[in-house]
């Protein structure tokens, strides 16, 4: 679907109106944009907002043995493709929905005195509450707090039962929108791997005060700078754990999912002196957005190659996972992310790439591409999981937004981290 060339410019104007004059002015700007492009929809009776169903990442189960086949449904007439007006209106409604504005409200229909910008949900989730998992005897999952000039963030630190005072690696795990440390730990099963691999795992927690959906604010300019905003808080949490425990400082890594994956890229890029490698699941490249409209464009269309959007030189090795059926963050972001990560490293321009195909028994197929220097040193890995959506590959159903049919992203990330430390 091709939008008018000035559509995103009008979307930016809508955002400015939203910030300065409120939702009604933002909607009016969008409606004017549609009218100027000759795409304004015809008036229709107001409809209630449609329900927002959770996407099911897995196919329906096969019929049980001996089940009676159901009568075949009458064939449906193929739906007509949307008209340009319908497509543009859908784009505008999706944009406003991402800002937290209910679908179907018109120019004079807003009554939201508590409306706030953090209602934007870049990669969105609706995570259920997670019951605390049982821990091995001697293990600890403790609360902590870090403060600096940018604010305050709490975190949870997992200390495995195998810890007896020895130096161990540290993994920083950044959750997705509406998730929390307990939910993310349960879904990724990183604490169980910490027992096996002997490492600390720390889970910073985003606050609803910073973003009402608890998304890490990867699309804000202030949160893309060293010693500013959320990158300084996340790096500060890592440093606080390093100061309090015998962490192997050559083996400190950061990883995340979706909005957390996009923030992991930012933090790893800005602090190569702290982090030795980055793991990203369903995330976006460094500086792929500067505001809400460009965030939506990058998520839906993919962050396209851009010579002006270069990650600083001196990058660190990176491992990327992305489902090729992801409808929340376009898989093209994974392609650009690995390309950006590899070329930011010394020797990246002369890297050698090799791909292999594989599959999980009774699960997804995948393509794994490795990027290495001429001497074989690893620069990056890119895992494309065929048939997977927007969920942590190989995760546990005890947490939200996981796909147990994929390769074990948590285990593969720790394997990769070990090769570069």
Protein backbone atom coordinates (compact mmCIF):
# COMPACT_ATOMS: atom_id res chain seq x y z
CA UNK A 1 0.00 0.00 0.00
CA UNK A 2 1.50 3.29 -1.14
CA UNK A 3 0.61 6.34 0.90
CA UNK A 4 0.72 9.95 -0.32
CA UNK A 5 4.22 11.38 -0.10
CA UNK A 6 3.27 13.96 2.52
CA UNK A 7 1.32 11.57 4.76
CA UNK A 8 4.07 11.13 7.37
CA UNK A 9 4.58 14.90 7.45
CA UNK A 10 0.91 15.25 8.37
CA UNK A 11 1.31 12.52 10.98
CA UNK A 12 4.15 14.51 12.54
CA UNK A 13 1.89 17.56 12.57
CA UNK A 14 -0.73 15.47 14.33
CA UNK A 15 1.82 14.53 16.98
CA UNK A 16 2.78 18.17 17.53
CA UNK A 17 -0.89 19.07 17.88
CA UNK A 18 -1.36 16.20 20.31
CA UNK A 19 1.46 17.47 22.48
CA UNK A 20 0.42 21.14 22.32
CA UNK A 21 -3.33 21.23 21.80
CA UNK A 22 -4.69 17.80 22.67
CA UNK A 23 -6.21 14.83 20.88
CA UNK A 24 -8.99 16.78 19.15
CA UNK A 25 -6.47 18.95 17.31
CA UNK A 26 -4.43 15.88 16.40
CA UNK A 27 -7.45 14.14 14.91
CA UNK A 28 -8.39 17.29 13.01
CA UNK A 29 -4.89 17.39 11.51
CA UNK A 30 -5.22 13.79 10.36
CA UNK A 31 -8.64 14.42 8.87
CA UNK A 32 -7.30 17.48 7.03
CA UNK A 33 -4.43 15.37 5.70
CA UNK A 34 -6.86 12.78 4.36
CA UNK A 35 -9.06 15.47 2.82
CA UNK A 36 -6.10 17.23 1.20
CA UNK A 37 -5.09 13.93 -0.38
CA UNK A 38 -8.65 13.34 -1.60
CA UNK A 39 -8.91 10.33 0.70
CA UNK A 40 -11.39 11.49 3.31
CA UNK A 41 -13.85 8.71 4.07
CA UNK A 42 -17.55 9.20 3.59
CA UNK A 43 -19.57 9.95 6.69
CA UNK A 44 -20.89 6.90 8.47
CA UNK A 45 -22.80 6.19 11.62
CA UNK A 46 -20.45 5.97 14.61
CA UNK A 47 -19.47 2.43 15.48
CA UNK A 48 -18.23 1.14 18.83
CA UNK A 49 -14.49 0.45 19.00
CA UNK A 50 -13.76 -3.08 17.80
CA UNK A 51 -12.27 -5.49 20.34
CA UNK A 52 -8.51 -5.87 20.25
CA UNK A 53 -7.92 -9.63 20.15
CA UNK A 54 -4.58 -11.06 21.13
CA UNK A 55 -2.79 -12.55 18.15
CA UNK A 56 -2.30 -16.30 18.41
CA UNK A 57 1.26 -17.06 17.35
CA UNK A 58 0.61 -20.80 17.10
CA UNK A 59 -1.59 -22.65 14.58
CA UNK A 60 -4.75 -24.34 15.86
CA UNK A 61 -4.23 -27.85 17.23
CA UNK A 62 -4.85 -30.83 14.96
CA UNK A 63 -8.20 -32.63 15.46
CA UNK A 64 -8.13 -35.39 18.05
CA UNK A 65 -8.07 -38.97 16.77
CA UNK A 66 -11.55 -40.26 16.07
CA UNK A 67 -13.12 -36.79 16.06
CA UNK A 68 -16.00 -36.36 13.67
CA UNK A 69 -15.16 -34.02 10.80
CA UNK A 70 -17.19 -30.86 10.73
CA UNK A 71 -19.26 -29.90 7.73
CA UNK A 72 -17.35 -27.78 5.30
CA UNK A 73 -18.21 -24.12 5.51
CA UNK A 74 -19.62 -22.42 2.45
CA UNK A 75 -16.87 -20.82 0.38
CA UNK A 76 -16.40 -17.16 1.13
CA UNK A 77 -16.20 -14.51 -1.50
CA UNK A 78 -12.66 -13.09 -1.54
CA UNK A 79 -12.54 -9.70 0.13
CA UNK A 80 -12.03 -6.79 -2.24
CA UNK A 81 -8.74 -4.95 -1.80
CA UNK A 82 -9.07 -1.70 0.14
CA UNK A 83 -9.52 1.49 -1.81
CA UNK A 84 -6.86 4.20 -1.40
CA UNK A 85 -9.27 6.08 0.86
CA UNK A 86 -9.85 3.04 3.04
CA UNK A 87 -6.12 2.26 3.22
CA UNK A 88 -5.22 5.80 4.22
CA UNK A 89 -8.00 5.93 6.80
CA UNK A 90 -6.84 2.60 8.24
CA UNK A 91 -3.32 4.03 8.50
CA UNK A 92 -4.58 7.13 10.32
CA UNK A 93 -6.77 5.11 12.70
CA UNK A 94 -3.86 2.76 13.45
CA UNK A 95 -1.63 5.76 14.12
CA UNK A 96 -4.08 7.28 16.57
CA UNK A 97 -4.67 3.93 18.23
CA UNK A 98 -0.92 3.64 18.80
CA UNK A 99 -1.09 7.01 20.54
CA UNK A 100 -3.75 5.62 22.86
CA UNK A 101 -6.73 7.31 21.17
CA UNK A 102 -9.77 4.98 20.88
CA UNK A 103 -10.80 4.00 17.35
CA UNK A 104 -13.92 5.66 16.00
CA UNK A 105 -13.70 8.98 17.82
CA UNK A 106 -14.08 11.97 15.56
CA UNK A 107 -12.99 15.55 15.70
CA UNK A 108 -15.34 16.47 18.53
CA UNK A 109 -15.54 13.12 20.26
CA UNK A 110 -12.68 13.34 22.75
CA UNK A 111 -13.25 13.52 26.46
CA UNK A 112 -9.94 12.30 27.85
CA UNK A 113 -8.59 14.74 30.44
CA UNK A 114 -6.05 12.14 31.53
CA UNK A 115 -4.70 11.51 28.02
CA UNK A 116 -0.90 11.22 27.96
CA UNK A 117 1.73 10.55 25.31
CA UNK A 118 3.12 7.39 26.93
CA UNK A 119 -0.08 5.62 25.83
CA UNK A 120 1.78 4.97 22.59
CA UNK A 121 2.54 1.24 22.54
CA UNK A 122 5.62 0.54 20.45
CA UNK A 123 5.75 -3.11 20.33
CA UNK A 124 2.67 -3.71 22.47
CA UNK A 125 1.73 -6.52 24.75
CA UNK A 126 -1.07 -7.31 27.18
CA UNK A 127 0.88 -9.37 29.66
CA UNK A 128 -0.89 -11.41 32.32
CA UNK A 129 0.28 -11.50 35.88
CA UNK A 130 2.89 -14.15 36.52
CA UNK A 131 3.12 -16.28 39.62
CA UNK A 132 6.60 -16.39 41.19
CA UNK A 133 8.53 -19.44 40.04
CA UNK A 134 10.03 -21.93 42.44
CA UNK A 135 13.76 -21.46 42.93
CA UNK A 136 16.49 -23.95 43.75
CA UNK A 137 17.65 -24.01 47.36
CA UNK A 138 20.24 -21.31 47.87
CA UNK A 139 19.20 -19.19 44.87
CA UNK A 140 17.98 -15.60 45.36
CA UNK A 141 15.81 -13.25 43.29
CA UNK A 142 16.26 -9.96 45.09
CA UNK A 143 14.94 -6.43 44.60
CA UNK A 144 17.17 -3.44 44.00
CA UNK A 145 16.91 0.26 43.16
CA UNK A 146 19.19 2.56 41.18
CA UNK A 147 19.01 6.37 41.06
CA UNK A 148 20.80 9.02 39.05
CA UNK A 149 20.08 12.42 37.49
CA UNK A 150 17.75 10.79 34.93
CA UNK A 151 15.47 9.24 37.53
CA UNK A 152 14.95 6.01 39.45
CA UNK A 153 14.43 2.46 38.29
CA UNK A 154 13.94 -0.70 40.31
CA UNK A 155 15.30 -4.06 39.23
CA UNK A 156 15.44 -7.71 40.21
CA UNK A 157 18.72 -9.58 40.42
CA UNK A 158 18.93 -13.35 40.14
CA UNK A 159 21.80 -14.94 42.05
CA UNK A 160 22.07 -18.65 41.25
CA UNK A 161 22.55 -21.30 43.90
CA UNK A 162 25.87 -22.10 42.21
CA UNK A 163 27.26 -18.74 43.36
CA UNK A 164 29.84 -19.13 46.14
CA UNK A 165 31.80 -15.90 45.79
CA UNK A 166 33.39 -16.59 42.41
CA UNK A 167 33.43 -14.08 39.56
CA UNK A 168 30.61 -14.71 37.10
CA UNK A 169 29.17 -13.12 33.92
CA UNK A 170 26.27 -10.67 34.13
CA UNK A 171 23.28 -10.61 31.76
CA UNK A 172 21.03 -7.52 31.68
CA UNK A 173 17.53 -8.44 30.43
CA UNK A 174 15.12 -5.73 29.20
CA UNK A 175 11.45 -6.72 29.10
CA UNK A 176 8.84 -5.76 26.48
CA UNK A 177 5.86 -3.45 26.89
CA UNK A 178 3.56 -4.16 29.87
CA UNK A 179 5.84 -6.98 30.99
CA UNK A 180 7.79 -6.93 34.25
CA UNK A 181 10.90 -8.68 35.57
CA UNK A 182 9.01 -11.68 36.97
CA UNK A 183 7.03 -12.23 33.79
CA UNK A 184 10.09 -11.81 31.55
CA UNK A 185 12.18 -14.13 33.69
CA UNK A 186 9.45 -16.78 33.57
CA UNK A 187 9.01 -16.54 29.82
CA UNK A 188 12.67 -16.52 28.82
CA UNK A 189 13.73 -19.06 31.47
CA UNK A 190 16.97 -17.12 31.80
CA UNK A 191 17.16 -17.81 35.53
CA UNK A 192 17.20 -21.56 34.93
CA UNK A 193 20.04 -21.06 32.46
CA UNK A 194 21.83 -18.90 35.02
CA UNK A 195 21.86 -21.93 37.31
CA UNK A 196 23.33 -24.08 34.56
CA UNK A 197 25.82 -21.56 33.16
CA UNK A 198 26.69 -19.83 36.47
CA UNK A 199 25.90 -16.19 35.81
CA UNK A 200 24.06 -13.26 37.37
CA UNK A 201 20.93 -11.97 35.62
CA UNK A 202 19.49 -8.52 36.31
CA UNK A 203 16.08 -7.35 35.08
CA UNK A 204 15.57 -3.56 35.09
CA UNK A 205 11.89 -2.55 35.39
CA UNK A 206 10.35 0.27 33.41
CA UNK A 207 7.90 2.46 35.34
CA UNK A 208 4.39 3.46 34.34
CA UNK A 209 5.39 7.02 35.15
CA UNK A 210 7.94 6.94 32.33
CA UNK A 211 5.63 5.07 29.95
CA UNK A 212 2.10 4.05 30.84
CA UNK A 213 2.56 0.71 29.04
CA UNK A 214 5.98 0.21 30.63
CA UNK A 215 7.70 0.33 27.23
CA UNK A 216 11.32 1.38 27.19
CA UNK A 217 11.34 4.71 25.33
CA UNK A 218 13.64 3.69 22.48
CA UNK A 219 12.07 6.28 20.13
CA UNK A 220 12.89 9.38 22.21
CA UNK A 221 15.95 11.43 21.25
CA UNK A 222 17.01 11.90 24.88
CA UNK A 223 16.95 8.12 25.33
CA UNK A 224 19.42 7.61 22.49
CA UNK A 225 22.32 9.46 24.14
CA UNK A 226 25.09 8.30 26.44
CA UNK A 227 24.77 9.49 30.03
CA UNK A 228 21.21 10.62 29.41
CA UNK A 229 17.76 9.19 29.99
CA UNK A 230 17.07 5.49 30.17
CA UNK A 231 20.41 4.32 28.72
CA UNK A 232 22.16 5.93 31.68
CA UNK A 233 19.78 4.21 34.11
CA UNK A 234 20.25 0.77 32.55
CA UNK A 235 24.03 1.11 32.36
CA UNK A 236 23.95 2.42 35.92
CA UNK A 237 22.08 -0.66 37.13
CA UNK A 238 24.69 -2.88 35.49
CA UNK A 239 27.50 -0.90 37.10
CA UNK A 240 25.81 -1.05 40.51
CA UNK A 241 25.66 -4.85 40.31
CA UNK A 242 29.30 -4.91 39.19
CA UNK A 243 30.24 -2.79 42.19
CA UNK A 244 28.34 -5.00 44.65
CA UNK A 245 29.20 -8.49 43.34
CA UNK A 246 32.28 -10.16 41.79
CA UNK A 247 31.17 -9.78 38.16
CA UNK A 248 33.54 -10.78 35.36
CA UNK A 249 33.69 -7.36 33.71
CA UNK A 250 34.74 -8.85 30.38
CA UNK A 251 31.48 -10.81 30.30
CA UNK A 252 28.69 -8.25 30.77
CA UNK A 253 25.90 -8.47 28.19
CA UNK A 254 22.55 -6.83 27.47
CA UNK A 255 19.53 -8.40 25.76
CA UNK A 256 15.86 -7.59 25.30
CA UNK A 257 12.57 -8.24 23.58
CA UNK A 258 10.74 -5.83 21.28
CA UNK A 259 10.88 -2.36 22.90
CA UNK A 260 13.42 -3.88 25.28
CA UNK A 261 15.35 -5.24 22.30
CA UNK A 262 15.43 -1.81 20.68
CA UNK A 263 16.71 -0.33 23.96
CA UNK A 264 19.30 -3.10 24.31
CA UNK A 265 20.72 -2.03 20.93
CA UNK A 266 20.91 1.57 22.11
CA UNK A 267 22.54 0.71 25.44
CA UNK A 268 25.05 -1.70 23.91
CA UNK A 269 25.93 0.84 21.21
CA UNK A 270 26.41 3.72 23.65
CA UNK A 271 28.31 1.72 26.30
CA UNK A 272 30.77 -0.63 24.53
CA UNK A 273 33.06 -0.11 27.53
CA UNK A 274 30.46 -1.81 29.76
CA UNK A 275 28.82 -4.40 27.50
CA UNK A 276 30.70 -7.04 25.52
CA UNK A 277 27.80 -8.09 23.27
CA UNK A 278 24.10 -7.50 22.59
CA UNK A 279 21.15 -9.88 22.13
CA UNK A 280 18.03 -8.61 20.38
CA UNK A 281 14.71 -10.38 19.89
CA UNK A 282 12.11 -8.72 17.63
CA UNK A 283 13.75 -5.32 18.01
CA UNK A 284 14.81 -2.38 15.84
CA UNK A 285 18.11 -0.81 14.74
CA UNK A 286 19.92 1.96 16.59
CA UNK A 287 18.25 5.38 16.14
CA UNK A 288 15.58 3.93 13.84
CA UNK A 289 13.06 6.49 15.13
CA UNK A 290 13.19 9.99 16.58
CA UNK A 291 9.53 10.47 17.48
CA UNK A 292 6.19 8.68 17.49
CA UNK A 293 5.39 8.86 13.76
CA UNK A 294 8.82 7.58 12.74
CA UNK A 295 8.54 4.84 15.37
CA UNK A 296 5.28 3.64 13.86
CA UNK A 297 6.75 3.82 10.36
CA UNK A 298 9.81 1.78 11.39
CA UNK A 299 7.72 -0.82 13.20
CA UNK A 300 5.24 -1.31 10.38
CA UNK A 301 7.40 -0.79 7.31
CA UNK A 302 10.82 -1.68 8.64
CA UNK A 303 13.82 0.57 9.25
CA UNK A 304 15.26 0.86 5.77
CA UNK A 305 19.01 1.25 5.16
CA UNK A 306 19.99 4.86 5.78
CA UNK A 307 23.52 6.20 5.42
CA UNK A 308 22.70 8.99 7.89
CA UNK A 309 21.64 6.49 10.58
CA UNK A 310 24.99 4.97 11.40
CA UNK A 311 25.75 3.38 14.73
CA UNK A 312 28.94 4.79 16.25
CA UNK A 313 32.11 2.95 15.30
CA UNK A 314 33.53 0.50 17.78
CA UNK A 315 30.38 -1.60 18.11
CA UNK A 316 30.16 -4.94 19.89
CA UNK A 317 29.11 -8.39 18.59
CA UNK A 318 25.37 -8.88 18.22
CA UNK A 319 22.92 -11.79 17.95
CA UNK A 320 19.48 -11.11 16.46
CA UNK A 321 16.27 -13.20 16.48
CA UNK A 322 13.17 -12.29 14.49
CA UNK A 323 10.08 -14.21 13.36
CA UNK A 324 9.28 -13.81 9.68
CA UNK A 325 5.54 -13.64 10.52
CA UNK A 326 5.96 -10.78 12.97
CA UNK A 327 3.18 -8.26 12.32
CA UNK A 328 4.12 -5.97 15.22
CA UNK A 329 7.74 -5.21 14.29
CA UNK A 330 8.44 -5.77 10.62
CA UNK A 331 11.11 -8.48 10.06
CA UNK A 332 13.03 -6.07 7.82
CA UNK A 333 14.16 -4.46 11.06
CA UNK A 334 16.09 -7.63 11.88
CA UNK A 335 17.83 -7.50 8.48
CA UNK A 336 18.91 -3.90 8.94
CA UNK A 337 19.79 -4.47 12.59
CA UNK A 338 22.32 -7.21 11.87
CA UNK A 339 23.75 -5.25 8.93
CA UNK A 340 24.15 -2.15 11.08
CA UNK A 341 25.64 -4.11 13.97
CA UNK A 342 28.20 -5.91 11.81
CA UNK A 343 29.38 -2.86 9.87
CA UNK A 344 29.84 -0.85 13.10
CA UNK A 345 32.56 -3.27 14.27
CA UNK A 346 36.21 -3.32 13.31
CA UNK A 347 36.57 -5.60 10.30
CA UNK A 348 32.83 -5.61 9.71
CA UNK A 349 33.00 -4.38 6.13
CA UNK A 350 35.06 -7.43 5.17
CA UNK A 351 32.97 -9.90 7.15
CA UNK A 352 32.20 -13.34 5.74
CA UNK A 353 28.59 -14.55 5.97
CA UNK A 354 27.49 -18.18 6.02
CA UNK A 355 23.93 -19.48 6.32
CA UNK A 356 22.46 -22.80 7.35
CA UNK A 357 18.86 -24.00 7.59
CA UNK A 358 17.52 -26.05 10.46
CA UNK A 359 14.35 -26.92 12.31
CA UNK A 360 13.10 -27.62 15.81
CA UNK A 361 11.52 -31.10 16.16
CA UNK A 362 7.76 -30.58 15.80
CA UNK A 363 8.43 -26.86 15.66
CA UNK A 364 9.58 -24.01 13.46
CA UNK A 365 12.17 -24.04 10.74
CA UNK A 366 14.85 -21.37 10.90
CA UNK A 367 17.74 -19.86 8.95
CA UNK A 368 20.86 -18.95 10.90
CA UNK A 369 23.40 -16.62 9.29
CA UNK A 370 26.78 -16.09 10.96
CA UNK A 371 29.07 -13.14 10.26
CA UNK A 372 32.77 -13.54 10.98
CA UNK A 373 36.03 -11.73 10.45
CA UNK A 374 38.64 -13.28 8.17
CA UNK A 375 40.28 -14.93 11.20
CA UNK A 376 36.98 -16.52 12.23
CA UNK A 377 36.19 -14.13 15.08
CA UNK A 378 32.41 -13.78 15.48
CA UNK A 379 30.78 -10.45 14.66
CA UNK A 380 27.13 -11.41 14.65
CA UNK A 381 24.40 -13.99 14.16
CA UNK A 382 20.98 -13.55 12.59
CA UNK A 383 18.25 -16.11 13.26
CA UNK A 384 15.14 -15.85 11.06
CA UNK A 385 12.43 -18.09 12.55
CA UNK A 386 10.04 -19.19 9.82
CA UNK A 387 6.38 -19.05 10.78
CA UNK A 388 7.00 -17.29 14.13
CA UNK A 389 5.35 -14.08 15.22
CA UNK A 390 6.19 -11.44 17.81
CA UNK A 391 7.28 -13.62 20.72
CA UNK A 392 10.39 -14.93 22.49
CA UNK A 393 11.55 -18.01 20.60
CA UNK A 394 11.80 -21.21 22.61
CA UNK A 395 10.32 -19.55 25.68
CA UNK A 396 8.08 -20.99 28.36
CA UNK A 397 4.31 -20.62 28.50
CA UNK A 398 4.69 -19.61 32.14
CA UNK A 399 5.50 -16.11 30.86
CA UNK A 400 3.79 -13.91 28.30
CA UNK A 401 4.56 -13.64 24.60
CA UNK A 402 6.64 -16.73 24.06
CA UNK A 403 6.72 -19.31 21.28
CA UNK A 404 7.87 -22.72 22.48
CA UNK A 405 8.05 -24.04 18.91
CA UNK A 406 11.12 -21.99 18.05
CA UNK A 407 14.82 -22.48 18.73
CA UNK A 408 15.83 -21.61 22.29
CA UNK A 409 16.80 -17.94 21.97
CA UNK A 410 17.93 -17.71 25.61
CA UNK A 411 20.32 -20.66 25.32
CA UNK A 412 21.64 -19.52 21.94
CA UNK A 413 22.27 -16.02 23.24
CA UNK A 414 24.32 -17.35 26.16
CA UNK A 415 26.26 -19.62 23.79
CA UNK A 416 27.02 -16.66 21.53
CA UNK A 417 27.98 -14.44 24.47
CA UNK A 418 30.47 -17.04 25.63
CA UNK A 419 32.18 -17.07 22.22
CA UNK A 420 32.85 -13.32 22.32
CA UNK A 421 33.86 -12.81 25.96
